[in-house]
Each structure stands twice: as C-alpha cells, then as structure tokens.
Amino acid sequence: MAGKFEVFVDKAGKFHFHLKAGNGEIVLESQGYESKEGAKKGIASIQTNAPGAEIVDLSVT
C-alpha cells in the first residue's frame, strides 16, 4: 500500500495533515492552517519540493 496524506481539523478548528506510510504509521504531521485550502497547499509543496530533498545530518556522534 502506498503512503497517503490525511487532512483533519484539530480541537481549535485548525486544519492539519498527516503523511502516513504504507503501513499506516504517521511519519509527518503538519503545522496548523487556518483553512483546508492552506493545508492542501502545504501538501502540494511537499509533493513538489521533497522528492529530491537533501538529507542533512545534524546529529553529533
């Protein structure tokens, strides 16, 4: 099963989205948006900008 985005409303009335992996685990939760359209634009931004995103390791080993 492929991953999916789920849009939902929190108790304060803000729109958020989850990115869920194929196994159903949430791997990302967005900030709160004032509108559903704002949340959908956030999803579109991730879909457009993340495929080739650089991985920067800031951990100290």
N, C-alpha and C. Protein backbone atom coordinates (compact mmCIF):
# COMPACT_ATOMS: atom_id res chain seq x y z
N MET A 1 0.83 -1.18 0.00
CA MET A 1 0.00 0.00 0.00
C MET A 1 0.88 1.24 0.00
N ALA A 2 0.54 2.22 -0.82
CA ALA A 2 1.29 3.46 -0.90
C ALA A 2 0.97 4.35 0.29
N GLY A 3 1.84 5.30 0.55
CA GLY A 3 1.59 6.28 1.59
C GLY A 3 0.42 7.18 1.18
N LYS A 4 -0.06 7.97 2.16
CA LYS A 4 -1.17 8.87 1.85
C LYS A 4 -1.14 10.07 2.79
N PHE A 5 -1.75 11.15 2.34
CA PHE A 5 -1.95 12.34 3.15
C PHE A 5 -3.38 12.33 3.68
N GLU A 6 -3.56 12.67 4.94
CA GLU A 6 -4.88 12.78 5.55
C GLU A 6 -5.04 14.19 6.11
N VAL A 7 -6.08 14.90 5.70
CA VAL A 7 -6.38 16.23 6.20
C VAL A 7 -7.40 16.09 7.33
N PHE A 8 -7.18 16.83 8.43
CA PHE A 8 -8.11 16.77 9.55
C PHE A 8 -8.14 18.12 10.27
N VAL A 9 -9.13 18.28 11.14
CA VAL A 9 -9.31 19.51 11.92
C VAL A 9 -9.04 19.18 13.39
N ASP A 10 -8.23 20.04 14.04
CA ASP A 10 -7.95 19.83 15.47
C ASP A 10 -9.04 20.45 16.34
N LYS A 11 -8.92 20.33 17.65
CA LYS A 11 -9.94 20.83 18.58
C LYS A 11 -10.09 22.35 18.51
N ALA A 12 -9.04 23.04 18.09
CA ALA A 12 -9.07 24.51 17.98
C ALA A 12 -9.61 24.98 16.63
N GLY A 13 -9.98 24.03 15.76
CA GLY A 13 -10.53 24.39 14.47
C GLY A 13 -9.51 24.63 13.37
N LYS A 14 -8.24 24.31 13.64
CA LYS A 14 -7.18 24.46 12.63
C LYS A 14 -7.07 23.18 11.80
N PHE A 15 -6.71 23.35 10.54
CA PHE A 15 -6.54 22.22 9.63
C PHE A 15 -5.09 21.75 9.68
N HIS A 16 -4.90 20.46 9.71
CA HIS A 16 -3.57 19.82 9.71
C HIS A 16 -3.61 18.70 8.68
N PHE A 17 -2.43 18.16 8.40
CA PHE A 17 -2.40 16.92 7.63
C PHE A 17 -1.33 16.01 8.18
N HIS A 18 -1.58 14.73 8.04
CA HIS A 18 -0.62 13.68 8.34
C HIS A 18 -0.12 13.12 7.02
N LEU A 19 1.12 12.70 6.99
CA LEU A 19 1.61 11.83 5.93
C LEU A 19 1.77 10.47 6.59
N LYS A 20 1.05 9.50 6.06
CA LYS A 20 1.11 8.15 6.61
C LYS A 20 1.85 7.24 5.64
N ALA A 21 2.71 6.40 6.21
CA ALA A 21 3.43 5.39 5.43
C ALA A 21 2.45 4.29 5.01
N GLY A 22 2.91 3.44 4.13
CA GLY A 22 2.08 2.34 3.64
C GLY A 22 1.57 1.42 4.74
N ASN A 23 2.30 1.36 5.86
CA ASN A 23 1.87 0.51 6.97
C ASN A 23 0.93 1.22 7.93
N GLY A 24 0.56 2.48 7.61
CA GLY A 24 -0.37 3.24 8.43
C GLY A 24 0.28 4.10 9.49
N GLU A 25 1.59 4.02 9.63
CA GLU A 25 2.29 4.81 10.64
C GLU A 25 2.40 6.27 10.19
N ILE A 26 2.12 7.20 11.11
CA ILE A 26 2.27 8.62 10.81
C ILE A 26 3.75 8.96 10.80
N VAL A 27 4.23 9.52 9.70
CA VAL A 27 5.64 9.88 9.60
C VAL A 27 5.84 11.39 9.57
N LEU A 28 4.75 12.14 9.44
CA LEU A 28 4.83 13.60 9.44
C LEU A 28 3.48 14.17 9.84
N GLU A 29 3.49 15.19 10.69
CA GLU A 29 2.28 15.95 10.98
C GLU A 29 2.58 17.42 10.74
N SER A 30 1.70 18.08 10.04
CA SER A 30 1.91 19.48 9.65
C SER A 30 1.65 20.43 10.80
N GLN A 31 1.97 21.67 10.53
CA GLN A 31 1.55 22.78 11.39
C GLN A 31 0.05 22.97 11.23
N GLY A 32 -0.55 23.86 12.01
CA GLY A 32 -1.97 24.17 11.85
C GLY A 32 -2.17 25.24 10.78
N TYR A 33 -3.19 25.08 9.98
CA TYR A 33 -3.54 26.03 8.93
C TYR A 33 -4.93 26.58 9.22
N GLU A 34 -5.17 27.82 8.81
CA GLU A 34 -6.47 28.46 9.02
C GLU A 34 -7.56 27.89 8.11
N SER A 35 -7.15 27.33 6.97
CA SER A 35 -8.13 26.83 6.00
C SER A 35 -7.71 25.47 5.46
N LYS A 36 -8.68 24.74 4.94
CA LYS A 36 -8.39 23.46 4.29
C LYS A 36 -7.53 23.70 3.06
N GLU A 37 -7.80 24.80 2.35
CA GLU A 37 -7.00 25.14 1.17
C GLU A 37 -5.53 25.35 1.54
N GLY A 38 -5.27 25.98 2.69
CA GLY A 38 -3.90 26.16 3.16
C GLY A 38 -3.22 24.82 3.42
N ALA A 39 -3.94 23.89 4.04
CA ALA A 39 -3.38 22.56 4.29
C ALA A 39 -3.09 21.85 2.98
N LYS A 40 -3.99 21.97 2.01
CA LYS A 40 -3.78 21.33 0.71
C LYS A 40 -2.59 21.94 -0.02
N LYS A 41 -2.38 23.25 0.15
CA LYS A 41 -1.20 23.89 -0.45
C LYS A 41 0.08 23.38 0.22
N GLY A 42 0.02 23.12 1.53
CA GLY A 42 1.17 22.54 2.24
C GLY A 42 1.50 21.16 1.70
N ILE A 43 0.49 20.35 1.45
CA ILE A 43 0.68 19.03 0.87
C ILE A 43 1.31 19.15 -0.52
N ALA A 44 0.77 20.06 -1.34
CA ALA A 44 1.30 20.25 -2.69
C ALA A 44 2.76 20.67 -2.66
N SER A 45 3.12 21.50 -1.69
CA SER A 45 4.51 21.94 -1.57
C SER A 45 5.44 20.77 -1.28
N ILE A 46 5.01 19.90 -0.38
CA ILE A 46 5.82 18.71 -0.07
C ILE A 46 5.94 17.81 -1.30
N GLN A 47 4.83 17.60 -1.98
CA GLN A 47 4.85 16.74 -3.17
C GLN A 47 5.78 17.30 -4.24
N THR A 48 5.85 18.61 -4.37
CA THR A 48 6.67 19.25 -5.39
C THR A 48 8.14 19.33 -4.98
N ASN A 49 8.40 19.70 -3.73
CA ASN A 49 9.76 20.04 -3.30
C ASN A 49 10.54 18.94 -2.62
N ALA A 50 9.89 17.90 -2.11
CA ALA A 50 10.59 16.91 -1.31
C ALA A 50 11.21 15.74 -2.06
N PRO A 51 10.78 15.39 -3.28
CA PRO A 51 11.32 14.17 -3.89
C PRO A 51 12.85 14.11 -3.95
N GLY A 52 13.50 15.22 -4.22
CA GLY A 52 14.96 15.22 -4.30
C GLY A 52 15.61 15.95 -3.15
N ALA A 53 14.87 16.10 -2.05
CA ALA A 53 15.38 16.87 -0.92
C ALA A 53 16.67 16.27 -0.36
N GLU A 54 17.60 17.15 -0.07
CA GLU A 54 18.88 16.76 0.51
C GLU A 54 18.65 16.29 1.96
N ILE A 55 19.41 15.31 2.38
CA ILE A 55 19.38 14.87 3.78
C ILE A 55 20.59 15.49 4.47
N VAL A 56 20.33 16.29 5.49
CA VAL A 56 21.40 16.94 6.23
C VAL A 56 21.42 16.33 7.63
N ASP A 57 22.52 15.70 8.00
CA ASP A 57 22.63 15.04 9.30
C ASP A 57 23.24 16.03 10.30
N LEU A 58 22.43 16.50 11.23
CA LEU A 58 22.88 17.45 12.23
C LEU A 58 23.17 16.79 13.58
N SER A 59 23.12 15.47 13.59
CA SER A 59 23.38 14.77 14.85
C SER A 59 24.87 14.78 15.17
N VAL A 60 25.14 14.75 16.44
CA VAL A 60 26.52 14.71 16.90
C VAL A 60 26.84 13.27 17.29
N THR A 61 27.88 12.73 16.71
CA THR A 61 28.24 11.35 17.04
C THR A 61 29.59 11.27 17.69
